[in-house]
Amino acid sequence: MSEKIYTKNAPDAIGPYSQAVKTGNLVFTSGQIAINPATGNVEADTIEGQTEQVMKNLGELLKASGSSFDKAVKTVCFLADMNDFAAFNAVYGKYFTSKPARSCVAVKTLPKNVLCEVEVIAECE
């Protein structure tokens, strides 16, 4: 049986999906972009600033599901420009210190024209 995870401390879904879904001892987050949940806006225009906001959003979803960055087993990362790879990694590495498995790809366009999006699969309580 699965449980939908919702927190007001992360952006509302902008489509017909859940912020995250918990099943068994795993949580699957939807891709998070750099929307500030307090304003509903993308407020940073650099890859570093947007990645920080994405990590804050993911942290809130992980917390709401009884998990944390340290319990992540897999991430999928999307970049609008692969030239941002090193700057993205510098911020990402501060949060995912346990070094989960990861895929990182460049895409043509992301929702709201953001620079990055990240989804996580993590163990939870």
PDB file of N, CA and C in Angstrom:
ATOM      1  N   MET A   1       0.844  -1.178   0.000  1.00  0.00           N
ATOM      2  CA  MET A   1       0.000   0.000   0.000  1.00  0.00           C
ATOM      3  C   MET A   1       0.892   1.246   0.000  1.00  0.00           C
ATOM      4  N   SER A   2       0.572   2.205  -0.814  1.00  0.00           N
ATOM      5  CA  SER A   2       1.375   3.421  -0.892  1.00  0.00           C
ATOM      6  C   SER A   2       0.674   4.585  -0.200  1.00  0.00           C
ATOM      7  N   GLU A   3       1.487   5.551   0.186  1.00  0.00           N
ATOM      8  CA  GLU A   3       0.991   6.744   0.881  1.00  0.00           C
ATOM      9  C   GLU A   3       1.510   7.976   0.155  1.00  0.00           C
ATOM     10  N   LYS A   4       0.619   8.898  -0.164  1.00  0.00           N
ATOM     11  CA  LYS A   4       1.037  10.154  -0.780  1.00  0.00           C
ATOM     12  C   LYS A   4       1.632  11.048   0.300  1.00  0.00           C
ATOM     13  N   ILE A   5       2.767  11.655  -0.012  1.00  0.00           N
ATOM     14  CA  ILE A   5       3.441  12.560   0.914  1.00  0.00           C
ATOM     15  C   ILE A   5       3.169  13.989   0.452  1.00  0.00           C
ATOM     16  N   TYR A   6       2.783  14.824   1.393  1.00  0.00           N
ATOM     17  CA  TYR A   6       2.561  16.243   1.090  1.00  0.00           C
ATOM     18  C   TYR A   6       3.126  17.081   2.228  1.00  0.00           C
ATOM     19  N   THR A   7       3.806  18.156   1.879  1.00  0.00           N
ATOM     20  CA  THR A   7       4.230  19.153   2.852  1.00  0.00           C
ATOM     21  C   THR A   7       4.064  20.533   2.243  1.00  0.00           C
ATOM     22  N   LYS A   8       3.619  21.475   3.044  1.00  0.00           N
ATOM     23  CA  LYS A   8       3.501  22.858   2.577  1.00  0.00           C
ATOM     24  C   LYS A   8       4.871  23.513   2.449  1.00  0.00           C
ATOM     25  N   ASN A   9       5.915  22.838   2.946  1.00  0.00           N
ATOM     26  CA  ASN A   9       7.275  23.380   2.916  1.00  0.00           C
ATOM     27  C   ASN A   9       8.010  23.056   1.622  1.00  0.00           C
ATOM     28  N   ALA A  10       7.320  22.440   0.686  1.00  0.00           N
ATOM     29  CA  ALA A  10       7.854  22.192  -0.660  1.00  0.00           C
ATOM     30  C   ALA A  10       6.782  22.672  -1.644  1.00  0.00           C
ATOM     31  N   PRO A  11       7.173  22.978  -2.865  1.00  0.00           N
ATOM     32  CA  PRO A  11       6.197  23.485  -3.833  1.00  0.00           C
ATOM     33  C   PRO A  11       5.080  22.480  -4.103  1.00  0.00           C
ATOM     34  N   ASP A  12       3.889  22.994  -4.303  1.00  0.00           N
ATOM     35  CA  ASP A  12       2.786  22.149  -4.731  1.00  0.00           C
ATOM     36  C   ASP A  12       3.106  21.581  -6.109  1.00  0.00           C
ATOM     37  N   ALA A  13       2.563  20.410  -6.390  1.00  0.00           N
ATOM     38  CA  ALA A  13       2.714  19.822  -7.715  1.00  0.00           C
ATOM     39  C   ALA A  13       2.084  20.765  -8.742  1.00  0.00           C
ATOM     40  N   ILE A  14       2.720  20.910  -9.886  1.00  0.00           N
ATOM     41  CA  ILE A  14       2.188  21.789 -10.932  1.00  0.00           C
ATOM     42  C   ILE A  14       1.486  20.980 -12.019  1.00  0.00           C
ATOM     43  N   GLY A  15       1.127  19.755 -11.677  1.00  0.00           N
ATOM     44  CA  GLY A  15       0.422  18.873 -12.595  1.00  0.00           C
ATOM     45  C   GLY A  15      -0.284  17.784 -11.811  1.00  0.00           C
ATOM     46  N   PRO A  16      -0.794  16.771 -12.501  1.00  0.00           N
ATOM     47  CA  PRO A  16      -1.545  15.699 -11.843  1.00  0.00           C
ATOM     48  C   PRO A  16      -0.623  14.620 -11.255  1.00  0.00           C
ATOM     49  N   TYR A  17       0.114  14.985 -10.227  1.00  0.00           N
ATOM     50  CA  TYR A  17       1.023  14.052  -9.561  1.00  0.00           C
ATOM     51  C   TYR A  17       1.209  14.478  -8.114  1.00  0.00           C
ATOM     52  N   SER A  18       1.826  13.613  -7.328  1.00  0.00           N
ATOM     53  CA  SER A  18       2.087  13.871  -5.913  1.00  0.00           C
ATOM     54  C   SER A  18       3.496  14.414  -5.729  1.00  0.00           C
ATOM     55  N   GLN A  19       3.713  15.142  -4.640  1.00  0.00           N
ATOM     56  CA  GLN A  19       5.063  15.605  -4.321  1.00  0.00           C
ATOM     57  C   GLN A  19       5.992  14.413  -4.121  1.00  0.00           C
ATOM     58  N   ALA A  20       5.486  13.378  -3.455  1.00  0.00           N
ATOM     59  CA  ALA A  20       6.247  12.153  -3.220  1.00  0.00           C
ATOM     60  C   ALA A  20       5.279  11.043  -2.874  1.00  0.00           C
ATOM     61  N   VAL A  21       5.735   9.810  -3.027  1.00  0.00           N
ATOM     62  CA  VAL A  21       4.942   8.638  -2.670  1.00  0.00           C
ATOM     63  C   VAL A  21       5.835   7.691  -1.879  1.00  0.00           C
ATOM     64  N   LYS A  22       5.299   7.245  -0.756  1.00  0.00           N
ATOM     65  CA  LYS A  22       6.005   6.312   0.119  1.00  0.00           C
ATOM     66  C   LYS A  22       5.359   4.940  -0.041  1.00  0.00           C
ATOM     67  N   THR A  23       6.167   3.928  -0.269  1.00  0.00           N
ATOM     68  CA  THR A  23       5.668   2.561  -0.347  1.00  0.00           C
ATOM     69  C   THR A  23       6.682   1.654   0.333  1.00  0.00           C
ATOM     70  N   GLY A  24       6.202   0.830   1.251  1.00  0.00           N
ATOM     71  CA  GLY A  24       7.117  -0.002   2.028  1.00  0.00           C
ATOM     72  C   GLY A  24       8.102   0.884   2.758  1.00  0.00           C
ATOM     73  N   ASN A  25       9.386   0.578   2.621  1.00  0.00           N
ATOM     74  CA  ASN A  25      10.409   1.393   3.286  1.00  0.00           C
ATOM     75  C   ASN A  25      11.135   2.314   2.302  1.00  0.00           C
ATOM     76  N   LEU A  26      10.455   2.659   1.196  1.00  0.00           N
ATOM     77  CA  LEU A  26      11.054   3.563   0.215  1.00  0.00           C
ATOM     78  C   LEU A  26      10.138   4.757  -0.043  1.00  0.00           C
ATOM     79  N   VAL A  27      10.764   5.894  -0.307  1.00  0.00           N
ATOM     80  CA  VAL A  27      10.032   7.073  -0.751  1.00  0.00           C
ATOM     81  C   VAL A  27      10.590   7.474  -2.113  1.00  0.00           C
ATOM     82  N   PHE A  28       9.679   7.824  -3.008  1.00  0.00           N
ATOM     83  CA  PHE A  28      10.010   8.267  -4.354  1.00  0.00           C
ATOM     84  C   PHE A  28       9.531   9.710  -4.473  1.00  0.00           C
ATOM     85  N   THR A  29      10.452  10.653  -4.617  1.00  0.00           N
ATOM     86  CA  THR A  29      10.027  12.035  -4.780  1.00  0.00           C
ATOM     87  C   THR A  29       9.780  12.313  -6.256  1.00  0.00           C
ATOM     88  N   SER A  30       8.869  13.216  -6.509  1.00  0.00           N
ATOM     89  CA  SER A  30       8.748  13.745  -7.863  1.00  0.00           C
ATOM     90  C   SER A  30       9.921  14.687  -8.074  1.00  0.00           C
ATOM     91  N   GLY A  31      10.229  14.972  -9.313  1.00  0.00           N
ATOM     92  CA  GLY A  31      11.311  15.900  -9.598  1.00  0.00           C
ATOM     93  C   GLY A  31      11.021  17.255  -8.980  1.00  0.00           C
ATOM     94  N   GLN A  32      12.017  17.790  -8.297  1.00  0.00           N
ATOM     95  CA  GLN A  32      11.873  19.099  -7.666  1.00  0.00           C
ATOM     96  C   GLN A  32      12.658  20.131  -8.460  1.00  0.00           C
ATOM     97  N   ILE A  33      12.015  21.268  -8.667  1.00  0.00           N
ATOM     98  CA  ILE A  33      12.673  22.385  -9.337  1.00  0.00           C
ATOM     99  C   ILE A  33      12.805  23.532  -8.337  1.00  0.00           C
ATOM    100  N   ALA A  34      13.420  24.598  -8.764  1.00  0.00           N
ATOM    101  CA  ALA A  34      13.793  25.694  -7.858  1.00  0.00           C
ATOM    102  C   ALA A  34      12.651  26.669  -7.582  1.00  0.00           C
ATOM    103  N   ILE A  35      11.508  26.145  -7.204  1.00  0.00           N
ATOM    104  CA  ILE A  35      10.392  27.012  -6.821  1.00  0.00           C
ATOM    105  C   ILE A  35      10.433  27.194  -5.309  1.00  0.00           C
ATOM    106  N   ASN A  36      10.397  28.439  -4.886  1.00  0.00           N
ATOM    107  CA  ASN A  36      10.307  28.746  -3.459  1.00  0.00           C
ATOM    108  C   ASN A  36       8.859  28.517  -3.048  1.00  0.00           C
ATOM    109  N   PRO A  37       8.599  27.571  -2.109  1.00  0.00           N
ATOM    110  CA  PRO A  37       7.202  27.282  -1.765  1.00  0.00           C
ATOM    111  C   PRO A  37       6.482  28.451  -1.099  1.00  0.00           C
ATOM    112  N   ALA A  38       7.217  29.363  -0.494  1.00  0.00           N
ATOM    113  CA  ALA A  38       6.588  30.516   0.170  1.00  0.00           C
ATOM    114  C   ALA A  38       6.016  31.509  -0.840  1.00  0.00           C
ATOM    115  N   THR A  39       6.653  31.618  -2.000  1.00  0.00           N
ATOM    116  CA  THR A  39       6.222  32.598  -2.991  1.00  0.00           C
ATOM    117  C   THR A  39       5.633  31.980  -4.251  1.00  0.00           C
ATOM    118  N   GLY A  40       5.980  30.707  -4.505  1.00  0.00           N
ATOM    119  CA  GLY A  40       5.548  30.067  -5.740  1.00  0.00           C
ATOM    120  C   GLY A  40       6.354  30.483  -6.948  1.00  0.00           C
ATOM    121  N   ASN A  41       7.457  31.193  -6.709  1.00  0.00           N
ATOM    122  CA  ASN A  41       8.278  31.709  -7.806  1.00  0.00           C
ATOM    123  C   ASN A  41       9.660  31.063  -7.841  1.00  0.00           C
ATOM    124  N   VAL A  42      10.266  31.089  -9.024  1.00  0.00           N
ATOM    125  CA  VAL A  42      11.673  30.755  -9.169  1.00  0.00           C
ATOM    126  C   VAL A  42      12.420  32.050  -8.874  1.00  0.00           C
ATOM    127  N   GLU A  43      13.191  32.066  -7.793  1.00  0.00           N
ATOM    128  CA  GLU A  43      13.783  33.327  -7.355  1.00  0.00           C
ATOM    129  C   GLU A  43      15.286  33.436  -7.603  1.00  0.00           C
ATOM    130  N   ALA A  44      15.926  32.346  -7.966  1.00  0.00           N
ATOM    131  CA  ALA A  44      17.362  32.385  -8.245  1.00  0.00           C
ATOM    132  C   ALA A  44      17.569  32.254  -9.745  1.00  0.00           C
ATOM    133  N   ASP A  45      18.593  32.913 -10.256  1.00  0.00           N
ATOM    134  CA  ASP A  45      18.849  32.812 -11.686  1.00  0.00           C
ATOM    135  C   ASP A  45      20.189  32.161 -12.005  1.00  0.00           C
ATOM    136  N   THR A  46      20.874  31.646 -10.988  1.00  0.00           N
ATOM    137  CA  THR A  46      22.132  30.933 -11.201  1.00  0.00           C
ATOM    138  C   THR A  46      21.930  29.451 -10.910  1.00  0.00           C
ATOM    139  N   ILE A  47      22.777  28.614 -11.478  1.00  0.00           N
ATOM    140  CA  ILE A  47      22.673  27.181 -11.216  1.00  0.00           C
ATOM    141  C   ILE A  47      22.903  26.892  -9.732  1.00  0.00           C
ATOM    142  N   GLU A  48      23.811  27.617  -9.099  1.00  0.00           N
ATOM    143  CA  GLU A  48      24.069  27.393  -7.673  1.00  0.00           C
ATOM    144  C   GLU A  48      22.843  27.741  -6.831  1.00  0.00           C
ATOM    145  N   GLY A  49      22.241  28.885  -7.091  1.00  0.00           N
ATOM    146  CA  GLY A  49      21.065  29.314  -6.338  1.00  0.00           C
ATOM    147  C   GLY A  49      19.881  28.391  -6.564  1.00  0.00           C
ATOM    148  N   GLN A  50      19.685  27.981  -7.808  1.00  0.00           N
ATOM    149  CA  GLN A  50      18.570  27.082  -8.097  1.00  0.00           C
ATOM    150  C   GLN A  50      18.803  25.702  -7.483  1.00  0.00           C
ATOM    151  N   THR A  51      20.032  25.215  -7.524  1.00  0.00           N
ATOM    152  CA  THR A  51      20.321  23.908  -6.930  1.00  0.00           C
ATOM    153  C   THR A  51      20.095  23.953  -5.425  1.00  0.00           C
ATOM    154  N   GLU A  52      20.474  25.029  -4.763  1.00  0.00           N
ATOM    155  CA  GLU A  52      20.222  25.170  -3.321  1.00  0.00           C
ATOM    156  C   GLU A  52      18.722  25.081  -3.028  1.00  0.00           C
ATOM    157  N   GLN A  53      17.894  25.751  -3.831  1.00  0.00           N
ATOM    158  CA  GLN A  53      16.443  25.707  -3.602  1.00  0.00           C
ATOM    159  C   GLN A  53      15.899  24.308  -3.853  1.00  0.00           C
ATOM    160  N   VAL A  54      16.385  23.640  -4.885  1.00  0.00           N
ATOM    161  CA  VAL A  54      15.968  22.262  -5.156  1.00  0.00           C
ATOM    162  C   VAL A  54      16.292  21.383  -3.951  1.00  0.00           C
ATOM    163  N   MET A  55      17.481  21.542  -3.381  1.00  0.00           N
ATOM    164  CA  MET A  55      17.885  20.727  -2.228  1.00  0.00           C
ATOM    165  C   MET A  55      17.022  21.032  -1.005  1.00  0.00           C
ATOM    166  N   LYS A  56      16.669  22.290  -0.808  1.00  0.00           N
ATOM    167  CA  LYS A  56      15.760  22.631   0.305  1.00  0.00           C
ATOM    168  C   LYS A  56      14.412  21.939   0.114  1.00  0.00           C
ATOM    169  N   ASN A  57      13.893  21.968  -1.109  1.00  0.00           N
ATOM    170  CA  ASN A  57      12.611  21.331  -1.393  1.00  0.00           C
ATOM    171  C   ASN A  57      12.692  19.819  -1.164  1.00  0.00           C
ATOM    172  N   LEU A  58      13.756  19.203  -1.665  1.00  0.00           N
ATOM    173  CA  LEU A  58      13.919  17.764  -1.462  1.00  0.00           C
ATOM    174  C   LEU A  58      14.070  17.430   0.015  1.00  0.00           C
ATOM    175  N   GLY A  59      14.821  18.233   0.744  1.00  0.00           N
ATOM    176  CA  GLY A  59      15.007  18.000   2.171  1.00  0.00           C
ATOM    177  C   GLY A  59      13.687  18.002   2.918  1.00  0.00           C
ATOM    178  N   GLU A  60      12.796  18.913   2.560  1.00  0.00           N
ATOM    179  CA  GLU A  60      11.481  18.979   3.212  1.00  0.00           C
ATOM    180  C   GLU A  60      10.634  17.753   2.875  1.00  0.00           C
ATOM    181  N   LEU A  61      10.694  17.295   1.635  1.00  0.00           N
ATOM    182  CA  LEU A  61       9.946  16.094   1.258  1.00  0.00           C
ATOM    183  C   LEU A  61      10.503  14.858   1.947  1.00  0.00           C
ATOM    184  N   LEU A  62      11.815  14.751   2.003  1.00  0.00           N
ATOM    185  CA  LEU A  62      12.428  13.608   2.683  1.00  0.00           C
ATOM    186  C   LEU A  62      12.054  13.600   4.160  1.00  0.00           C
ATOM    187  N   LYS A  63      12.119  14.769   4.783  1.00  0.00           N
ATOM    188  CA  LYS A  63      11.744  14.891   6.199  1.00  0.00           C
ATOM    189  C   LYS A  63      10.284  14.489   6.417  1.00  0.00           C
ATOM    190  N   ALA A  64       9.391  14.954   5.550  1.00  0.00           N
ATOM    191  CA  ALA A  64       7.968  14.652   5.685  1.00  0.00           C
ATOM    192  C   ALA A  64       7.681  13.159   5.542  1.00  0.00           C
ATOM    193  N   SER A  65       8.572  12.447   4.879  1.00  0.00           N
ATOM    194  CA  SER A  65       8.371  11.009   4.674  1.00  0.00           C
ATOM    195  C   SER A  65       9.146  10.156   5.673  1.00  0.00           C
ATOM    196  N   GLY A  66       9.835  10.798   6.621  1.00  0.00           N
ATOM    197  CA  GLY A  66      10.622  10.044   7.590  1.00  0.00           C
ATOM    198  C   GLY A  66      11.973   9.615   7.044  1.00  0.00           C
ATOM    199  N   SER A  67      12.504  10.388   6.141  1.00  0.00           N
ATOM    200  CA  SER A  67      13.787  10.056   5.522  1.00  0.00           C
ATOM    201  C   SER A  67      14.725  11.253   5.601  1.00  0.00           C
ATOM    202  N   SER A  68      15.854  11.151   4.902  1.00  0.00           N
ATOM    203  CA  SER A  68      16.842  12.229   4.880  1.00  0.00           C
ATOM    204  C   SER A  68      17.769  12.029   3.684  1.00  0.00           C
ATOM    205  N   PHE A  69      18.602  13.013   3.440  1.00  0.00           N
ATOM    206  CA  PHE A  69      19.578  12.905   2.348  1.00  0.00           C
ATOM    207  C   PHE A  69      20.482  11.690   2.539  1.00  0.00           C
ATOM    208  N   ASP A  70      20.849  11.383   3.785  1.00  0.00           N
ATOM    209  CA  ASP A  70      21.748  10.258   4.066  1.00  0.00           C
ATOM    210  C   ASP A  70      21.133   8.908   3.718  1.00  0.00           C
ATOM    211  N   LYS A  71      19.807   8.847   3.587  1.00  0.00           N
ATOM    212  CA  LYS A  71      19.130   7.595   3.286  1.00  0.00           C
ATOM    213  C   LYS A  71      18.827   7.441   1.797  1.00  0.00           C
ATOM    214  N   ALA A  72      19.279   8.396   0.987  1.00  0.00           N
ATOM    215  CA  ALA A  72      19.046   8.333  -0.465  1.00  0.00           C
ATOM    216  C   ALA A  72      19.815   7.155  -1.060  1.00  0.00           C
ATOM    217  N   VAL A  73      19.149   6.424  -1.951  1.00  0.00           N
ATOM    218  CA  VAL A  73      19.807   5.315  -2.642  1.00  0.00           C
ATOM    219  C   VAL A  73      19.993   5.600  -4.136  1.00  0.00           C
ATOM    220  N   LYS A  74      19.200   6.526  -4.683  1.00  0.00           N
ATOM    221  CA  LYS A  74      19.299   6.844  -6.105  1.00  0.00           C
ATOM    222  C   LYS A  74      18.762   8.240  -6.358  1.00  0.00           C
ATOM    223  N   THR A  75      19.448   8.992  -7.189  1.00  0.00           N
ATOM    224  CA  THR A  75      18.939  10.281  -7.646  1.00  0.00           C
ATOM    225  C   THR A  75      18.963  10.312  -9.166  1.00  0.00           C
ATOM    226  N   VAL A  76      18.079  11.109  -9.710  1.00  0.00           N
ATOM    227  CA  VAL A  76      18.086  11.387 -11.146  1.00  0.00           C
ATOM    228  C   VAL A  76      18.100  12.904 -11.274  1.00  0.00           C
ATOM    229  N   CYS A  77      19.085  13.410 -11.993  1.00  0.00           N
ATOM    230  CA  CYS A  77      19.299  14.851 -12.113  1.00  0.00           C
ATOM    231  C   CYS A  77      19.176  15.260 -13.575  1.00  0.00           C
ATOM    232  N   PHE A  78      18.511  16.381 -13.790  1.00  0.00           N
ATOM    233  CA  PHE A  78      18.313  16.920 -15.129  1.00  0.00           C
ATOM    234  C   PHE A  78      18.896  18.331 -15.164  1.00  0.00           C
ATOM    235  N   LEU A  79      19.730  18.611 -16.128  1.00  0.00           N
ATOM    236  CA  LEU A  79      20.322  19.937 -16.291  1.00  0.00           C
ATOM    237  C   LEU A  79      19.907  20.519 -17.634  1.00  0.00           C
ATOM    238  N   ALA A  80      19.604  21.794 -17.646  1.00  0.00           N
ATOM    239  CA  ALA A  80      19.277  22.470 -18.904  1.00  0.00           C
ATOM    240  C   ALA A  80      20.532  22.686 -19.745  1.00  0.00           C
ATOM    241  N   ASP A  81      21.695  22.725 -19.087  1.00  0.00           N
ATOM    242  CA  ASP A  81      22.956  22.963 -19.790  1.00  0.00           C
ATOM    243  C   ASP A  81      24.057  22.166 -19.101  1.00  0.00           C
ATOM    244  N   MET A  82      24.650  21.221 -19.802  1.00  0.00           N
ATOM    245  CA  MET A  82      25.693  20.381 -19.210  1.00  0.00           C
ATOM    246  C   MET A  82      26.940  21.195 -18.838  1.00  0.00           C
ATOM    247  N   ASN A  83      27.039  22.417 -19.328  1.00  0.00           N
ATOM    248  CA  ASN A  83      28.137  23.287 -18.892  1.00  0.00           C
ATOM    249  C   ASN A  83      28.002  23.662 -17.417  1.00  0.00           C
ATOM    250  N   ASP A  84      26.824  23.457 -16.826  1.00  0.00           N
ATOM    251  CA  ASP A  84      26.589  23.730 -15.406  1.00  0.00           C
ATOM    252  C   ASP A  84      26.935  22.538 -14.514  1.00  0.00           C
ATOM    253  N   PHE A  85      27.434  21.458 -15.098  1.00  0.00           N
ATOM    254  CA  PHE A  85      27.677  20.207 -14.370  1.00  0.00           C
ATOM    255  C   PHE A  85      28.552  20.409 -13.129  1.00  0.00           C
ATOM    256  N   ALA A  86      29.675  21.070 -13.250  1.00  0.00           N
ATOM    257  CA  ALA A  86      30.595  21.241 -12.116  1.00  0.00           C
ATOM    258  C   ALA A  86      29.967  22.100 -11.019  1.00  0.00           C
ATOM    259  N   ALA A  87      29.331  23.184 -11.387  1.00  0.00           N
ATOM    260  CA  ALA A  87      28.696  24.061 -10.390  1.00  0.00           C
ATOM    261  C   ALA A  87      27.541  23.337  -9.705  1.00  0.00           C
ATOM    262  N   PHE A  88      26.763  22.572 -10.463  1.00  0.00           N
ATOM    263  CA  PHE A  88      25.676  21.783  -9.893  1.00  0.00           C
ATOM    264  C   PHE A  88      26.241  20.774  -8.895  1.00  0.00           C
ATOM    265  N   ASN A  89      27.283  20.059  -9.295  1.00  0.00           N
ATOM    266  CA  ASN A  89      27.894  19.047  -8.426  1.00  0.00           C
ATOM    267  C   ASN A  89      28.423  19.642  -7.126  1.00  0.00           C
ATOM    268  N   ALA A  90      28.938  20.851  -7.178  1.00  0.00           N
ATOM    269  CA  ALA A  90      29.483  21.488  -5.975  1.00  0.00           C
ATOM    270  C   ALA A  90      28.392  21.659  -4.921  1.00  0.00           C
ATOM    271  N   VAL A  91      27.200  22.041  -5.331  1.00  0.00           N
ATOM    272  CA  VAL A  91      26.086  22.193  -4.383  1.00  0.00           C
ATOM    273  C   VAL A  91      25.514  20.823  -4.029  1.00  0.00           C
ATOM    274  N   TYR A  92      25.249  19.988  -5.019  1.00  0.00           N
ATOM    275  CA  TYR A  92      24.697  18.646  -4.815  1.00  0.00           C
ATOM    276  C   TYR A  92      25.532  17.866  -3.792  1.00  0.00           C
ATOM    277  N   GLY A  93      26.845  17.935  -3.923  1.00  0.00           N
ATOM    278  CA  GLY A  93      27.753  17.180  -3.056  1.00  0.00           C
ATOM    279  C   GLY A  93      27.683  17.573  -1.590  1.00  0.00           C
ATOM    280  N   LYS A  94      27.241  18.784  -1.287  1.00  0.00           N
ATOM    281  CA  LYS A  94      27.082  19.217   0.112  1.00  0.00           C
ATOM    282  C   LYS A  94      25.916  18.500   0.784  1.00  0.00           C
ATOM    283  N   TYR A  95      24.943  18.078   0.011  1.00  0.00           N
ATOM    284  CA  TYR A  95      23.735  17.449   0.541  1.00  0.00           C
ATOM    285  C   TYR A  95      23.799  15.919   0.479  1.00  0.00           C
ATOM    286  N   PHE A  96      24.234  15.392  -0.633  1.00  0.00           N
ATOM    287  CA  PHE A  96      24.274  13.939  -0.816  1.00  0.00           C
ATOM    288  C   PHE A  96      25.676  13.412  -0.485  1.00  0.00           C
ATOM    289  N   THR A  97      26.041  13.534   0.771  1.00  0.00           N
ATOM    290  CA  THR A  97      27.376  13.115   1.214  1.00  0.00           C
ATOM    291  C   THR A  97      27.539  11.602   1.228  1.00  0.00           C
ATOM    292  N   SER A  98      26.425  10.861   1.251  1.00  0.00           N
ATOM    293  CA  SER A  98      26.492   9.395   1.245  1.00  0.00           C
ATOM    294  C   SER A  98      26.710   8.839  -0.160  1.00  0.00           C
ATOM    295  N   LYS A  99      26.718   9.710  -1.150  1.00  0.00           N
ATOM    296  CA  LYS A  99      26.976   9.363  -2.547  1.00  0.00           C
ATOM    297  C   LYS A  99      26.079   8.235  -3.069  1.00  0.00           C
ATOM    298  N   PRO A 100      24.759   8.495  -3.167  1.00  0.00           N
ATOM    299  CA  PRO A 100      23.859   7.481  -3.729  1.00  0.00           C
ATOM    300  C   PRO A 100      24.145   7.272  -5.217  1.00  0.00           C
ATOM    301  N   ALA A 101      23.606   6.201  -5.779  1.00  0.00           N
ATOM    302  CA  ALA A 101      23.676   6.004  -7.228  1.00  0.00           C
ATOM    303  C   ALA A 101      22.988   7.201  -7.891  1.00  0.00           C
ATOM    304  N   ARG A 102      23.437   7.547  -9.109  1.00  0.00           N
ATOM    305  CA  ARG A 102      22.899   8.754  -9.731  1.00  0.00           C
ATOM    306  C   ARG A 102      22.965   8.671 -11.242  1.00  0.00           C
ATOM    307  N   SER A 103      21.979   9.284 -11.872  1.00  0.00           N
ATOM    308  CA  SER A 103      22.010   9.567 -13.304  1.00  0.00           C
ATOM    309  C   SER A 103      21.920  11.079 -13.434  1.00  0.00           C
ATOM    310  N   CYS A 104      22.607  11.637 -14.415  1.00  0.00           N
ATOM    311  CA  CYS A 104      22.545  13.077 -14.659  1.00  0.00           C
ATOM    312  C   CYS A 104      22.564  13.289 -16.169  1.00  0.00           C
ATOM    313  N   VAL A 105      21.522  13.928 -16.670  1.00  0.00           N
ATOM    314  CA  VAL A 105      21.414  14.134 -18.104  1.00  0.00           C
ATOM    315  C   VAL A 105      21.063  15.589 -18.407  1.00  0.00           C
ATOM    316  N   ALA A 106      21.422  16.002 -19.602  1.00  0.00           N
ATOM    317  CA  ALA A 106      21.012  17.320 -20.081  1.00  0.00           C
ATOM    318  C   ALA A 106      19.710  17.156 -20.856  1.00  0.00           C
ATOM    319  N   VAL A 107      18.824  18.116 -20.697  1.00  0.00           N
ATOM    320  CA  VAL A 107      17.539  18.093 -21.388  1.00  0.00           C
ATOM    321  C   VAL A 107      17.343  19.420 -22.110  1.00  0.00           C
ATOM    322  N   LYS A 108      16.452  19.435 -23.050  1.00  0.00           N
ATOM    323  CA  LYS A 108      16.235  20.646 -23.833  1.00  0.00           C
ATOM    324  C   LYS A 108      15.616  21.758 -23.002  1.00  0.00           C
ATOM    325  N   THR A 109      14.551  21.441 -22.266  1.00  0.00           N
ATOM    326  CA  THR A 109      13.844  22.441 -21.480  1.00  0.00           C
ATOM    327  C   THR A 109      13.257  21.781 -20.244  1.00  0.00           C
ATOM    328  N   LEU A 110      13.259  22.515 -19.134  1.00  0.00           N
ATOM    329  CA  LEU A 110      12.646  22.054 -17.890  1.00  0.00           C
ATOM    330  C   LEU A 110      11.451  22.943 -17.560  1.00  0.00           C
ATOM    331  N   PRO A 111      10.516  22.455 -16.719  1.00  0.00           N
ATOM    332  CA  PRO A 111       9.367  23.284 -16.348  1.00  0.00           C
ATOM    333  C   PRO A 111       9.801  24.644 -15.812  1.00  0.00           C
ATOM    334  N   LYS A 112       9.056  25.665 -16.168  1.00  0.00           N
ATOM    335  CA  LYS A 112       9.316  27.041 -15.726  1.00  0.00           C
ATOM    336  C   LYS A 112      10.690  27.547 -16.188  1.00  0.00           C
ATOM    337  N   ASN A 113      11.284  26.873 -17.162  1.00  0.00           N
ATOM    338  CA  ASN A 113      12.601  27.230 -17.702  1.00  0.00           C
ATOM    339  C   ASN A 113      13.702  27.269 -16.645  1.00  0.00           C
ATOM    340  N   VAL A 114      13.585  26.393 -15.636  1.00  0.00           N
ATOM    341  CA  VAL A 114      14.620  26.328 -14.610  1.00  0.00           C
ATOM    342  C   VAL A 114      15.869  25.667 -15.174  1.00  0.00           C
ATOM    343  N   LEU A 115      16.935  25.726 -14.404  1.00  0.00           N
ATOM    344  CA  LEU A 115      18.226  25.206 -14.845  1.00  0.00           C
ATOM    345  C   LEU A 115      18.477  23.768 -14.430  1.00  0.00           C
ATOM    346  N   CYS A 116      17.749  23.281 -13.399  1.00  0.00           N
ATOM    347  CA  CYS A 116      17.957  21.905 -12.940  1.00  0.00           C
ATOM    348  C   CYS A 116      16.703  21.350 -12.283  1.00  0.00           C
ATOM    349  N   GLU A 117      16.647  20.036 -12.230  1.00  0.00           N
ATOM    350  CA  GLU A 117      15.573  19.309 -11.554  1.00  0.00           C
ATOM    351  C   GLU A 117      16.193  18.030 -11.000  1.00  0.00           C
ATOM    352  N   VAL A 118      15.750  17.635  -9.792  1.00  0.00           N
ATOM    353  CA  VAL A 118      16.296  16.431  -9.156  1.00  0.00           C
ATOM    354  C   VAL A 118      15.151  15.636  -8.531  1.00  0.00           C
ATOM    355  N   GLU A 119      15.195  14.321  -8.715  1.00  0.00           N
ATOM    356  CA  GLU A 119      14.277  13.406  -8.029  1.00  0.00           C
ATOM    357  C   GLU A 119      15.106  12.417  -7.222  1.00  0.00           C
ATOM    358  N   VAL A 120      14.496  11.868  -6.158  1.00  0.00           N
ATOM    359  CA  VAL A 120      15.225  11.008  -5.226  1.00  0.00           C
ATOM    360  C   VAL A 120      14.405   9.770  -4.898  1.00  0.00           C
ATOM    361  N   ILE A 121      15.095   8.661  -4.744  1.00  0.00           N
ATOM    362  CA  ILE A 121      14.542   7.461  -4.119  1.00  0.00           C
ATOM    363  C   ILE A 121      15.361   7.253  -2.856  1.00  0.00           C
ATOM    364  N   ALA A 122      14.669   7.120  -1.716  1.00  0.00           N
ATOM    365  CA  ALA A 122      15.372   6.990  -0.439  1.00  0.00           C
ATOM    366  C   ALA A 122      14.670   5.997   0.472  1.00  0.00           C
ATOM    367  N   GLU A 123      15.435   5.417   1.369  1.00  0.00           N
ATOM    368  CA  GLU A 123      14.856   4.571   2.411  1.00  0.00           C
ATOM    369  C   GLU A 123      14.179   5.482   3.432  1.00  0.00           C
ATOM    370  N   CYS A 124      13.127   4.972   4.061  1.00  0.00           N
ATOM    371  CA  CYS A 124      12.407   5.773   5.039  1.00  0.00           C
ATOM    372  C   CYS A 124      11.897   4.872   6.162  1.00  0.00           C
ATOM    373  N   GLU A 125      11.336   5.508   7.168  1.00  0.00           N
ATOM    374  CA  GLU A 125      10.797   4.770   8.320  1.00  0.00           C
ATOM    375  C   GLU A 125       9.506   4.082   7.974  1.00  0.00           C
TER     376      GLU A 125
END
